[in-house]
Amino acid sequence: MTLVGRLRFFWIALVLVLSLHMNPSEAQGDENKVCLDKFSLGKEDFVLQTNESVKEGASFLGAPPVSRPEACVMACCRDPDCNLALMEQAQEPKTIKACYIFNCLYKQKRVCRFVRKTGFINYLSNSVFKDYLEQKVSGEEDKPPVANTGQDRVVQPHEDVTLNGVESTDDKKITKYDWTMVSGDPSVVMSKSPNFLDAVTISNLSPGMFKFQLTVTDDAGQTDSAEVSVLVLTPEQSLHHCLVPKKEGPCRGSFTRWHYNAASEKCEPFKFGGCKQNQNNYLTLEECNNACDKVSVIPLSPSGRLGPIHNHQEQCGEPCGPEHFSCSNNCCISESLECDGDAQCSDESDEAQCKNIKKEFNRLLDIPVDSSKVHCIDAPVTGVCRASLTLWYYNPYERRCHRFNYGGCDGNGNRFETEEKCMSFCGSVSESDVYERKAAFERLEDKDDAVIIAIAVLLGIGIAILLIVLACCLLKGKKKHRNKHQQVAVNGGHVHMYEDSEKLVYNSTTKPI
């Protein structure tokens, strides 16, 4: 046997010996540690505002029957869509009464909102909540900008898409917006908007996934970047996004959503129950139209799209992917078919947990919370529109209201017409009531203060100039007045002072005849 052969034999033997002596629980423990390290404890004594969060696009994924916090986090870790593990604490230390797992992202946008409630804890995904978990109030006078590309887009082939960075922020001024393509077919055409520095139009899009990056630069040269995805649907994807029937789901909430009706070839509203949706489920009419415009089950003109007829039978013999529901018999079906009222798995495991999911979701909706002031703890949002409306938002960390520019659409309820209305409604809310970090309120506050300072400086300069002009005018008038009464009379007349003139006039008019 050669030296190489001996070394290979020794290495294989060593691996076998180590594997035989390895404790399975140790291997499992290492796996659990890796999973737990992906999550961090959020602010305690806060519960999810379930109704508001789902309304904005959060997804309830389930309520695993576990009794310890780490087991709840592990359940969340095993679900690729989960980024929030919410728990209700039990009487005994280190135990929980209930575990709820959520997806807090809707097309890249974080949509979960929290309200104070004693007895609840939450763990957040480090990757999704990275900026929240690491947010610190900077002591620097000029803070770096924050790039914001908005939510991900879903469109049909050859549709133009306009991307913008209108929601990007800086405490002073963003001077430059640079868009680049990170991945996707390089044949796309990117055209800068002639009207807006932050906008770019993407055209010549073919089916596939595209990623674009926005880099913003402020007037101090500081930069920040963010990415946005554009999914251009294939015919197969159009089936799931546009041609499957609307699905209300097993839960019994009431959330207005939009779906594409293949029969009428229009987007129509429907009432969504709040859980286990399919992909033909959109928050807005605009989203639905962008994703499903001209999709049809019947071949139309070249401008129309054809959606294939799909077989919903379970598939066995292959591993299930992230887009699948894994039946108890290890066969796979589309995840959107879980809890649709019809068993697709031959063992009916896709309908087995639906009643429990409905019960636990309803329980979340029924948790009593003080929702009267919830808008006061939302970080202010300018929105995606480009109007410039001066409104007021409440900062619970300072218990004061500040001005900000509202774009005219989207946003949230933390906006008021006057400072008086703002303080009257929110004045009792303090930092102990708020889940968001101070920095979320600080950025707009800095911008607001900068505007006030600039206005004050300009007013001060204006007042100073006005005072100088008035002083000059008074001095000039006084000089003219003095010259007028001190002129020398013609033909040797003498000079009269103003007081003497008054005396002479008086004497001449009162002298007896």
Protein backbone atom coordinates (compact mmCIF):
# COMPACT_ATOMS: atom_id res chain seq x y z
CA MET A 1 0.00 0.00 0.00
CA THR A 2 1.37 3.41 -0.96
CA LEU A 3 1.84 6.22 1.55
CA VAL A 4 -1.16 8.08 0.10
CA GLY A 5 -3.29 4.96 0.43
CA ARG A 6 -2.23 4.45 4.04
CA LEU A 7 -3.06 8.06 4.92
CA ARG A 8 -6.48 7.77 3.30
CA PHE A 9 -7.19 4.53 5.21
CA PHE A 10 -6.08 6.14 8.49
CA TRP A 11 -8.30 9.19 7.89
CA ILE A 12 -11.40 7.09 7.12
CA ALA A 13 -10.79 4.96 10.22
CA LEU A 14 -10.40 8.07 12.39
CA VAL A 15 -13.66 9.53 11.11
CA LEU A 16 -15.50 6.27 11.80
CA VAL A 17 -14.11 6.02 15.34
CA LEU A 18 -15.05 9.63 16.14
CA SER A 19 -18.55 9.21 14.75
CA LEU A 20 -19.09 6.07 16.82
CA HIS A 21 -18.00 7.82 20.01
CA MET A 22 -19.90 11.07 19.39
CA ASN A 23 -22.88 11.56 21.66
CA PRO A 24 -26.02 12.19 19.54
CA SER A 25 -27.29 14.64 22.15
CA GLU A 26 -24.06 16.65 21.80
CA ALA A 27 -24.55 16.92 18.05
CA GLN A 28 -28.15 17.96 18.61
CA GLY A 29 -27.00 20.48 21.20
CA ASP A 30 -24.58 22.05 18.74
CA GLU A 31 -27.35 22.32 16.15
CA ASN A 32 -29.65 23.96 18.70
CA LYS A 33 -26.94 26.44 19.72
CA VAL A 34 -26.38 27.48 16.11
CA CYS A 35 -30.12 27.99 15.76
CA LEU A 36 -30.54 29.91 19.02
CA ASP A 37 -27.62 32.18 18.14
CA LYS A 38 -29.63 33.45 15.17
CA PHE A 39 -32.15 35.11 17.53
CA SER A 40 -31.95 37.80 20.21
CA LEU A 41 -34.28 38.76 23.05
CA GLY A 42 -36.37 41.81 22.21
CA LYS A 43 -37.90 44.30 24.64
CA GLU A 44 -39.76 42.46 27.41
CA ASP A 45 -43.40 42.99 28.40
CA PHE A 46 -44.55 43.77 24.87
CA VAL A 47 -47.04 41.78 22.80
CA LEU A 48 -47.66 41.90 19.08
CA GLN A 49 -50.45 44.19 17.88
CA THR A 50 -51.82 41.26 15.92
CA ASN A 51 -54.66 43.03 14.15
CA GLU A 52 -52.54 45.99 13.00
CA SER A 53 -49.55 43.81 12.07
CA VAL A 54 -51.54 41.35 9.94
CA LYS A 55 -53.36 44.28 8.33
CA GLU A 56 -49.94 45.53 7.18
CA GLY A 57 -48.89 42.09 5.86
CA ALA A 58 -47.44 40.08 8.78
CA SER A 59 -48.08 36.32 8.54
CA PHE A 60 -49.13 34.08 11.43
CA LEU A 61 -47.23 30.80 10.95
CA GLY A 62 -48.47 28.73 13.87
CA ALA A 63 -48.53 28.03 17.61
CA PRO A 64 -46.12 25.15 18.40
CA PRO A 65 -47.15 23.20 21.55
CA VAL A 66 -43.97 23.81 23.58
CA SER A 67 -43.37 24.84 27.19
CA ARG A 68 -39.90 26.42 27.16
CA PRO A 69 -38.64 29.61 25.49
CA GLU A 70 -35.73 27.89 23.73
CA ALA A 71 -38.11 25.32 22.23
CA CYS A 72 -40.28 28.13 20.84
CA VAL A 73 -37.22 29.81 19.31
CA MET A 74 -36.15 26.46 17.83
CA ALA A 75 -39.59 26.04 16.23
CA CYS A 76 -39.23 29.48 14.68
CA CYS A 77 -35.69 28.71 13.52
CA ARG A 78 -36.84 25.58 11.69
CA ASP A 79 -39.39 27.56 9.65
CA PRO A 80 -37.53 29.51 6.92
CA ASP A 81 -40.23 32.22 6.95
CA CYS A 82 -40.18 32.81 10.72
CA ASN A 83 -38.41 35.81 12.23
CA LEU A 84 -40.45 36.46 15.41
CA ALA A 85 -41.06 34.07 18.31
CA LEU A 86 -43.66 35.55 20.67
CA MET A 87 -44.29 33.89 24.05
CA GLU A 88 -46.65 34.26 26.97
CA GLN A 89 -44.83 33.55 30.21
CA ALA A 90 -46.08 30.97 32.73
CA GLN A 91 -46.01 31.11 36.54
CA GLU A 92 -42.97 28.82 36.85
CA PRO A 93 -39.60 30.34 35.93
CA LYS A 94 -38.22 29.57 32.45
CA THR A 95 -41.54 28.18 31.23
CA ILE A 96 -44.15 29.55 28.85
CA LYS A 97 -47.91 29.20 28.48
CA ALA A 98 -48.02 29.76 24.73
CA CYS A 99 -45.71 30.12 21.73
CA TYR A 100 -46.60 32.01 18.54
CA ILE A 101 -44.39 32.31 15.48
CA PHE A 102 -44.67 35.01 12.81
CA ASN A 103 -43.17 36.31 9.61
CA CYS A 104 -42.81 40.06 10.16
CA LEU A 105 -41.69 40.81 6.59
CA TYR A 106 -44.00 41.77 3.76
CA LYS A 107 -42.01 42.07 0.53
CA GLN A 108 -38.91 43.09 2.52
CA LYS A 109 -40.74 45.70 4.63
CA ARG A 110 -40.88 45.09 8.40
CA VAL A 111 -44.53 45.33 9.43
CA CYS A 112 -44.83 43.93 12.99
CA ARG A 113 -45.96 46.41 15.64
CA PHE A 114 -45.91 45.95 19.39
CA VAL A 115 -47.80 47.31 22.39
CA ARG A 116 -46.99 47.11 26.09
CA LYS A 117 -48.41 44.02 27.83
CA THR A 118 -46.96 42.49 30.99
CA GLY A 119 -46.19 38.77 30.82
CA PHE A 120 -44.97 38.50 27.23
CA ILE A 121 -41.47 38.12 25.78
CA ASN A 122 -40.26 38.01 22.20
CA TYR A 123 -37.21 36.82 20.30
CA LEU A 124 -36.21 38.47 17.03
CA SER A 125 -34.23 37.15 14.07
CA ASN A 126 -30.81 38.83 14.04
CA SER A 127 -30.78 39.06 10.25
CA VAL A 128 -34.22 40.65 9.85
CA PHE A 129 -34.08 42.93 12.92
CA LYS A 130 -30.33 43.66 12.73
CA ASP A 131 -30.71 47.43 12.49
CA TYR A 132 -33.30 47.42 15.30
CA LEU A 133 -31.20 45.29 17.66
CA GLU A 134 -28.04 47.33 17.01
CA GLN A 135 -29.64 50.77 16.85
CA LYS A 136 -27.87 53.28 19.03
CA VAL A 137 -28.38 56.99 19.31
CA SER A 138 -25.31 58.53 17.73
CA GLY A 139 -23.49 61.34 19.47
CA GLU A 140 -22.17 62.65 16.17
CA GLU A 141 -23.42 66.01 14.99
CA ASP A 142 -23.82 64.79 11.40
CA LYS A 143 -25.27 61.28 11.24
CA PRO A 144 -24.96 59.06 8.14
CA PRO A 145 -27.95 58.68 5.80
CA VAL A 146 -30.27 55.66 5.73
CA ALA A 147 -31.11 54.22 2.31
CA ASN A 148 -34.66 52.91 1.80
CA THR A 149 -35.76 51.27 -1.45
CA GLY A 150 -39.31 50.39 -0.41
CA GLN A 151 -40.84 46.93 -0.71
CA ASP A 152 -39.99 44.22 -3.26
CA ARG A 153 -41.95 44.16 -6.53
CA VAL A 154 -43.73 41.41 -8.47
CA VAL A 155 -44.51 42.10 -12.14
CA GLN A 156 -45.25 40.45 -15.46
CA PRO A 157 -42.64 40.24 -18.28
CA HIS A 158 -41.92 43.40 -20.30
CA GLU A 159 -43.64 45.67 -17.79
CA ASP A 160 -41.68 48.78 -16.80
CA VAL A 161 -40.90 49.23 -13.10
CA THR A 162 -40.03 52.54 -11.44
CA LEU A 163 -37.84 52.25 -8.34
CA ASN A 164 -37.27 55.14 -5.98
CA GLY A 165 -35.51 56.10 -2.78
CA VAL A 166 -38.02 58.72 -1.67
CA GLU A 167 -38.20 57.21 1.83
CA SER A 168 -34.43 57.44 2.35
CA THR A 169 -33.56 59.80 5.19
CA ASP A 170 -30.74 61.95 6.51
CA ASP A 171 -30.55 64.41 9.38
CA LYS A 172 -29.36 67.07 6.93
CA LYS A 173 -29.48 66.48 3.17
CA ILE A 174 -29.02 63.61 0.70
CA THR A 175 -27.19 64.92 -2.36
CA LYS A 176 -26.75 61.80 -4.49
CA TYR A 177 -28.72 58.65 -5.38
CA ASP A 178 -26.94 55.88 -7.34
CA TRP A 179 -28.80 52.81 -8.67
CA THR A 180 -26.94 49.68 -9.85
CA MET A 181 -28.06 46.17 -10.82
CA VAL A 182 -26.70 43.50 -8.47
CA SER A 183 -28.04 40.39 -10.23
CA GLY A 184 -30.29 39.39 -13.11
CA ASP A 185 -30.36 39.47 -16.91
CA PRO A 186 -27.93 42.25 -17.99
CA SER A 187 -30.11 43.14 -20.99
CA VAL A 188 -32.40 45.28 -18.81
CA VAL A 189 -32.41 49.02 -19.46
CA MET A 190 -32.07 51.46 -16.54
CA SER A 191 -33.17 55.05 -17.20
CA LYS A 192 -32.80 57.86 -14.68
CA SER A 193 -35.91 59.90 -14.02
CA PRO A 194 -35.75 63.41 -15.53
CA ASN A 195 -37.84 64.75 -12.64
CA PHE A 196 -36.59 63.03 -9.47
CA LEU A 197 -32.99 62.41 -8.38
CA ASP A 198 -33.92 59.26 -6.44
CA ALA A 199 -35.91 57.45 -9.16
CA VAL A 200 -34.96 55.07 -11.97
CA THR A 201 -37.14 53.20 -14.50
CA ILE A 202 -36.32 49.57 -15.33
CA SER A 203 -37.46 48.25 -18.71
CA ASN A 204 -36.94 45.20 -20.97
CA LEU A 205 -37.54 42.82 -18.05
CA SER A 206 -37.67 39.09 -18.81
CA PRO A 207 -38.84 36.34 -16.41
CA GLY A 208 -36.53 35.87 -13.45
CA MET A 209 -35.35 37.47 -10.22
CA PHE A 210 -33.56 40.82 -10.34
CA LYS A 211 -31.82 42.67 -7.51
CA PHE A 212 -31.02 46.38 -7.57
CA GLN A 213 -28.98 48.42 -5.10
CA LEU A 214 -29.46 52.05 -4.11
CA THR A 215 -26.53 53.97 -2.61
CA VAL A 216 -27.29 57.35 -1.07
CA THR A 217 -24.70 60.02 -0.22
CA ASP A 218 -25.24 62.99 2.08
CA ASP A 219 -23.65 66.43 1.90
CA ALA A 220 -20.82 65.26 4.19
CA GLY A 221 -19.90 62.36 1.88
CA GLN A 222 -21.35 59.66 4.16
CA THR A 223 -23.10 56.76 2.38
CA ASP A 224 -25.56 53.93 2.95
CA SER A 225 -26.95 51.21 0.67
CA ALA A 226 -30.10 49.09 0.42
CA GLU A 227 -31.36 46.46 -2.03
CA VAL A 228 -34.74 45.75 -3.60
CA SER A 229 -35.86 42.65 -5.54
CA VAL A 230 -38.01 42.60 -8.66
CA LEU A 231 -39.59 39.21 -9.43
CA VAL A 232 -40.69 38.93 -13.06
CA LEU A 233 -43.12 36.01 -13.13
CA THR A 234 -42.77 32.96 -15.34
CA PRO A 235 -45.99 31.28 -16.58
CA GLU A 236 -45.63 28.69 -13.78
CA GLN A 237 -45.23 31.41 -11.16
CA SER A 238 -48.18 33.29 -12.62
CA LEU A 239 -50.32 30.28 -11.80
CA HIS A 240 -49.55 30.57 -8.07
CA HIS A 241 -49.66 34.38 -7.96
CA CYS A 242 -52.67 34.97 -10.20
CA LEU A 243 -54.63 31.90 -11.27
CA VAL A 244 -55.24 29.99 -8.05
CA PRO A 245 -58.62 30.74 -6.41
CA LYS A 246 -58.79 33.25 -3.57
CA LYS A 247 -58.17 31.68 -0.18
CA GLU A 248 -59.73 33.12 2.98
CA GLY A 249 -57.85 30.67 5.21
CA PRO A 250 -59.01 28.87 8.37
CA CYS A 251 -58.75 31.88 10.71
CA ARG A 252 -61.67 34.20 11.21
CA GLY A 253 -60.22 37.68 11.28
CA SER A 254 -61.41 40.27 8.77
CA PHE A 255 -58.68 41.84 6.63
CA THR A 256 -59.34 43.44 3.26
CA ARG A 257 -57.06 41.96 0.59
CA TRP A 258 -57.03 41.77 -3.22
CA HIS A 259 -56.91 38.73 -5.49
CA TYR A 260 -56.81 38.28 -9.25
CA ASN A 261 -59.99 36.74 -10.65
CA ALA A 262 -58.96 34.76 -13.73
CA ALA A 263 -62.56 34.58 -14.98
CA SER A 264 -63.11 38.34 -15.01
CA GLU A 265 -59.40 39.08 -15.57
CA LYS A 266 -59.62 41.75 -12.88
CA CYS A 267 -58.27 42.27 -9.38
CA GLU A 268 -61.07 42.13 -6.81
CA PRO A 269 -61.27 42.67 -3.02
CA PHE A 270 -62.07 39.89 -0.56
CA LYS A 271 -62.03 39.29 3.20
CA PHE A 272 -58.95 37.38 4.36
CA GLY A 273 -59.18 35.49 7.67
CA GLY A 274 -55.60 36.24 8.73
CA CYS A 275 -53.58 33.03 8.30
CA LYS A 276 -52.44 30.39 5.78
CA GLN A 277 -52.89 32.54 2.69
CA ASN A 278 -51.84 31.59 -0.81
CA GLN A 279 -49.82 33.83 -3.15
CA ASN A 280 -52.89 35.30 -4.87
CA ASN A 281 -53.21 37.66 -1.93
CA TYR A 282 -52.24 41.34 -2.18
CA LEU A 283 -52.46 44.29 0.21
CA THR A 284 -53.38 46.81 -2.48
CA LEU A 285 -55.08 46.96 -5.86
CA GLU A 286 -51.90 48.39 -7.38
CA GLU A 287 -49.82 45.41 -6.23
CA CYS A 288 -52.36 42.99 -7.67
CA ASN A 289 -52.50 44.79 -11.02
CA ASN A 290 -48.70 44.92 -11.28
CA ALA A 291 -48.37 41.18 -10.65
CA CYS A 292 -51.26 39.86 -12.74
CA ASP A 293 -52.05 42.32 -15.52
CA LYS A 294 -53.40 40.47 -18.61
CA VAL A 295 -52.85 36.98 -17.17
CA SER A 296 -55.37 34.49 -18.57
CA VAL A 297 -56.04 30.75 -18.54
CA ILE A 298 -56.90 31.03 -22.22
CA PRO A 299 -54.23 31.88 -24.83
CA LEU A 300 -54.90 35.43 -26.00
CA SER A 301 -53.03 37.80 -28.26
CA PRO A 302 -49.22 37.97 -28.01
CA SER A 303 -49.61 40.65 -25.33
CA GLY A 304 -51.63 38.28 -23.11
CA ARG A 305 -50.16 35.68 -20.75
CA LEU A 306 -50.96 32.01 -20.45
CA GLY A 307 -51.13 30.36 -17.06
CA PRO A 308 -50.67 26.57 -17.15
CA ILE A 309 -53.10 24.17 -15.50
CA HIS A 310 -51.38 22.63 -12.48
CA ASN A 311 -51.78 19.22 -10.82
CA HIS A 312 -52.23 19.58 -7.03
CA GLN A 313 -51.57 15.91 -6.22
CA GLU A 314 -48.90 15.11 -3.64
CA GLN A 315 -45.40 14.33 -4.86
CA CYS A 316 -43.46 11.55 -3.18
CA GLY A 317 -39.89 10.27 -3.35
CA GLU A 318 -38.14 13.66 -3.33
CA PRO A 319 -37.21 16.03 -0.50
CA CYS A 320 -39.68 18.86 0.10
CA GLY A 321 -38.49 22.37 -0.68
CA PRO A 322 -39.20 25.61 1.22
CA GLU A 323 -42.24 26.25 -0.99
CA HIS A 324 -43.77 22.88 0.00
CA PHE A 325 -45.81 21.53 2.88
CA SER A 326 -44.33 18.24 4.09
CA CYS A 327 -47.03 15.63 4.69
CA SER A 328 -46.60 13.19 7.58
CA ASN A 329 -45.84 10.45 5.03
CA ASN A 330 -42.89 12.57 3.73
CA CYS A 331 -44.69 13.45 0.50
CA CYS A 332 -44.95 17.09 -0.59
CA ILE A 333 -47.69 19.48 -1.67
CA SER A 334 -47.64 23.22 -2.34
CA GLU A 335 -47.56 25.10 0.98
CA SER A 336 -50.52 27.22 -0.18
CA LEU A 337 -52.72 24.10 -0.09
CA GLU A 338 -52.38 23.66 3.68
CA CYS A 339 -55.66 24.42 5.46
CA ASP A 340 -57.62 25.11 2.27
CA GLY A 341 -60.49 22.87 3.43
CA ASP A 342 -59.57 19.95 1.14
CA ALA A 343 -57.04 17.29 2.12
CA GLN A 344 -54.29 17.06 -0.51
CA CYS A 345 -52.00 14.74 1.49
CA SER A 346 -53.18 11.14 1.36
CA ASP A 347 -52.83 10.99 5.16
CA GLU A 348 -54.79 14.29 5.50
CA SER A 349 -51.99 15.81 7.59
CA ASP A 350 -52.32 19.13 5.69
CA GLU A 351 -55.68 19.72 7.43
CA ALA A 352 -54.81 18.24 10.84
CA GLN A 353 -53.63 21.44 12.62
CA CYS A 354 -56.04 23.94 11.09
CA LYS A 355 -58.54 24.04 13.96
CA ASN A 356 -55.76 24.65 16.48
CA ILE A 357 -54.22 27.39 14.30
CA LYS A 358 -57.62 29.09 14.10
CA LYS A 359 -58.11 28.86 17.89
CA GLU A 360 -54.66 30.27 18.72
CA PHE A 361 -54.92 33.11 16.20
CA ASN A 362 -58.31 34.11 17.61
CA ARG A 363 -56.78 34.05 21.08
CA LEU A 364 -54.09 36.48 19.94
CA LEU A 365 -56.73 38.80 18.50
CA ASP A 366 -58.62 38.71 21.81
CA ILE A 367 -55.68 39.61 24.08
CA PRO A 368 -56.81 42.79 25.88
CA VAL A 369 -54.43 45.68 25.25
CA ASP A 370 -54.69 49.44 25.61
CA SER A 371 -54.96 50.38 21.95
CA SER A 372 -56.19 53.93 22.49
CA LYS A 373 -52.72 55.44 22.16
CA VAL A 374 -51.02 52.92 19.86
CA HIS A 375 -50.41 55.47 17.10
CA CYS A 376 -48.41 57.63 19.51
CA ILE A 377 -45.69 54.96 19.75
CA ASP A 378 -45.25 54.49 16.00
CA ALA A 379 -42.11 55.97 14.49
CA PRO A 380 -43.18 58.74 12.07
CA VAL A 381 -43.34 57.79 8.38
CA THR A 382 -43.23 60.30 5.54
CA GLY A 383 -44.73 57.86 3.00
CA VAL A 384 -43.89 57.21 -0.64
CA CYS A 385 -45.74 60.16 -2.21
CA ARG A 386 -44.07 63.47 -2.96
CA ALA A 387 -46.38 66.11 -1.50
CA SER A 388 -44.96 68.30 1.26
CA LEU A 389 -47.52 68.65 4.04
CA THR A 390 -46.28 70.07 7.34
CA LEU A 391 -47.75 67.92 10.12
CA TRP A 392 -46.83 67.01 13.69
CA TYR A 393 -45.63 63.69 15.16
CA TYR A 394 -45.22 62.66 18.79
CA ASN A 395 -41.83 61.66 20.23
CA PRO A 396 -42.52 59.52 23.34
CA TYR A 397 -38.88 59.68 24.41
CA GLU A 398 -39.11 63.46 24.86
CA ARG A 399 -42.90 63.65 25.36
CA ARG A 400 -43.00 66.44 22.80
CA CYS A 401 -44.46 66.94 19.34
CA HIS A 402 -42.33 67.95 16.35
CA ARG A 403 -43.00 69.08 12.81
CA PHE A 404 -42.27 66.81 9.84
CA ASN A 405 -43.01 66.74 6.13
CA TYR A 406 -45.65 64.15 5.19
CA GLY A 407 -45.66 62.95 1.58
CA GLY A 408 -49.45 62.62 1.34
CA CYS A 409 -50.00 58.83 1.30
CA ASP A 410 -49.19 55.69 3.31
CA GLY A 411 -47.54 56.56 6.61
CA ASN A 412 -49.23 55.77 9.92
CA GLY A 413 -51.42 57.35 12.57
CA ASN A 414 -48.64 59.29 14.30
CA ARG A 415 -49.40 62.48 12.40
CA PHE A 416 -51.51 65.42 13.51
CA GLU A 417 -52.63 68.71 11.98
CA THR A 418 -51.51 70.86 14.92
CA GLU A 419 -49.15 70.65 17.87
CA GLU A 420 -52.12 71.12 20.23
CA LYS A 421 -53.98 68.09 18.82
CA CYS A 422 -50.80 66.04 18.94
CA MET A 423 -50.06 66.82 22.59
CA SER A 424 -53.71 66.49 23.63
CA PHE A 425 -53.92 62.97 22.20
CA CYS A 426 -50.45 61.63 23.04
CA GLY A 427 -49.09 63.72 25.91
CA SER A 428 -49.47 60.96 28.50
CA VAL A 429 -47.45 58.39 26.50
CA SER A 430 -43.83 57.90 27.64
CA GLU A 431 -40.78 55.91 26.54
CA SER A 432 -41.85 52.95 28.71
CA ASP A 433 -44.79 52.45 26.31
CA VAL A 434 -42.73 52.33 23.12
CA TYR A 435 -41.04 49.34 21.46
CA GLU A 436 -39.16 51.28 18.78
CA ARG A 437 -35.68 52.54 19.57
CA LYS A 438 -35.03 56.23 20.20
CA ALA A 439 -33.12 56.56 16.92
CA ALA A 440 -36.32 55.91 14.95
CA PHE A 441 -37.69 59.21 16.30
CA GLU A 442 -34.36 61.03 16.46
CA ARG A 443 -33.71 61.23 12.73
CA LEU A 444 -36.84 63.20 11.87
CA GLU A 445 -36.41 65.21 15.04
CA ASP A 446 -32.93 66.28 13.97
CA LYS A 447 -34.23 67.25 10.56
CA ASP A 448 -37.05 69.19 12.20
CA ASP A 449 -34.67 71.01 14.55
CA ALA A 450 -32.34 71.83 11.66
CA VAL A 451 -35.20 73.44 9.77
CA ILE A 452 -36.23 75.47 12.83
CA ILE A 453 -32.64 76.61 13.39
CA ALA A 454 -32.28 77.59 9.72
CA ILE A 455 -35.54 79.56 9.84
CA ALA A 456 -34.45 81.27 13.08
CA VAL A 457 -31.10 82.25 11.56
CA LEU A 458 -32.75 83.66 8.43
CA LEU A 459 -35.28 85.59 10.53
CA GLY A 460 -32.47 86.94 12.69
CA ILE A 461 -30.53 88.12 9.65
CA GLY A 462 -33.67 89.68 8.18
CA ILE A 463 -34.48 91.54 11.40
CA ALA A 464 -30.89 92.80 11.68
CA ILE A 465 -30.97 94.13 8.10
CA LEU A 466 -34.34 95.80 8.74
CA LEU A 467 -33.03 97.51 11.90
CA ILE A 468 -29.97 98.81 10.03
CA VAL A 469 -32.15 100.21 7.23
CA LEU A 470 -34.49 101.89 9.75
CA ALA A 471 -31.54 103.39 11.62
CA CYS A 472 -30.08 104.79 8.40
CA CYS A 473 -33.44 106.30 7.43
CA LEU A 474 -33.87 107.94 10.85
CA LEU A 475 -30.36 109.41 10.79
CA LYS A 476 -30.83 110.70 7.25
CA GLY A 477 -34.21 112.29 8.14
CA LYS A 478 -32.80 113.93 11.24
CA LYS A 479 -29.91 115.39 9.27
CA LYS A 480 -32.25 116.88 6.65
CA HIS A 481 -34.49 118.32 9.37
CA ARG A 482 -31.54 120.01 11.07
CA ASN A 483 -30.22 121.48 7.81
CA LYS A 484 -33.63 122.91 6.94
CA HIS A 485 -33.82 125.02 10.11
CA GLN A 486 -30.20 126.09 10.16
CA GLN A 487 -30.00 127.68 6.71
CA VAL A 488 -28.61 131.28 6.63
CA ALA A 489 -31.17 133.89 5.56
CA VAL A 490 -30.62 135.79 2.35
CA ASN A 491 -29.45 139.50 2.52
CA GLY A 492 -27.62 139.16 5.82
CA GLY A 493 -30.49 137.74 7.89
CA HIS A 494 -29.50 135.94 11.05
CA VAL A 495 -30.03 132.28 11.88
CA HIS A 496 -33.00 131.23 14.00
CA MET A 497 -33.04 128.08 16.03
CA TYR A 498 -36.30 126.07 16.12
CA GLU A 499 -37.11 127.23 19.64
CA ASP A 500 -36.53 130.90 18.69
CA SER A 501 -38.79 130.56 15.66
CA GLU A 502 -41.58 129.26 17.86
CA LYS A 503 -41.06 132.20 20.21
CA LEU A 504 -41.08 134.77 17.42
CA VAL A 505 -44.22 133.38 15.86
CA TYR A 506 -45.93 133.35 19.23
CA ASN A 507 -44.89 136.93 20.05
CA SER A 508 -45.91 138.34 16.69
CA THR A 509 -49.34 136.81 16.86
CA THR A 510 -50.02 137.81 20.43
CA LYS A 511 -48.58 141.32 20.34
CA PRO A 512 -51.26 143.96 21.15
CA ILE A 513 -52.17 146.37 18.36
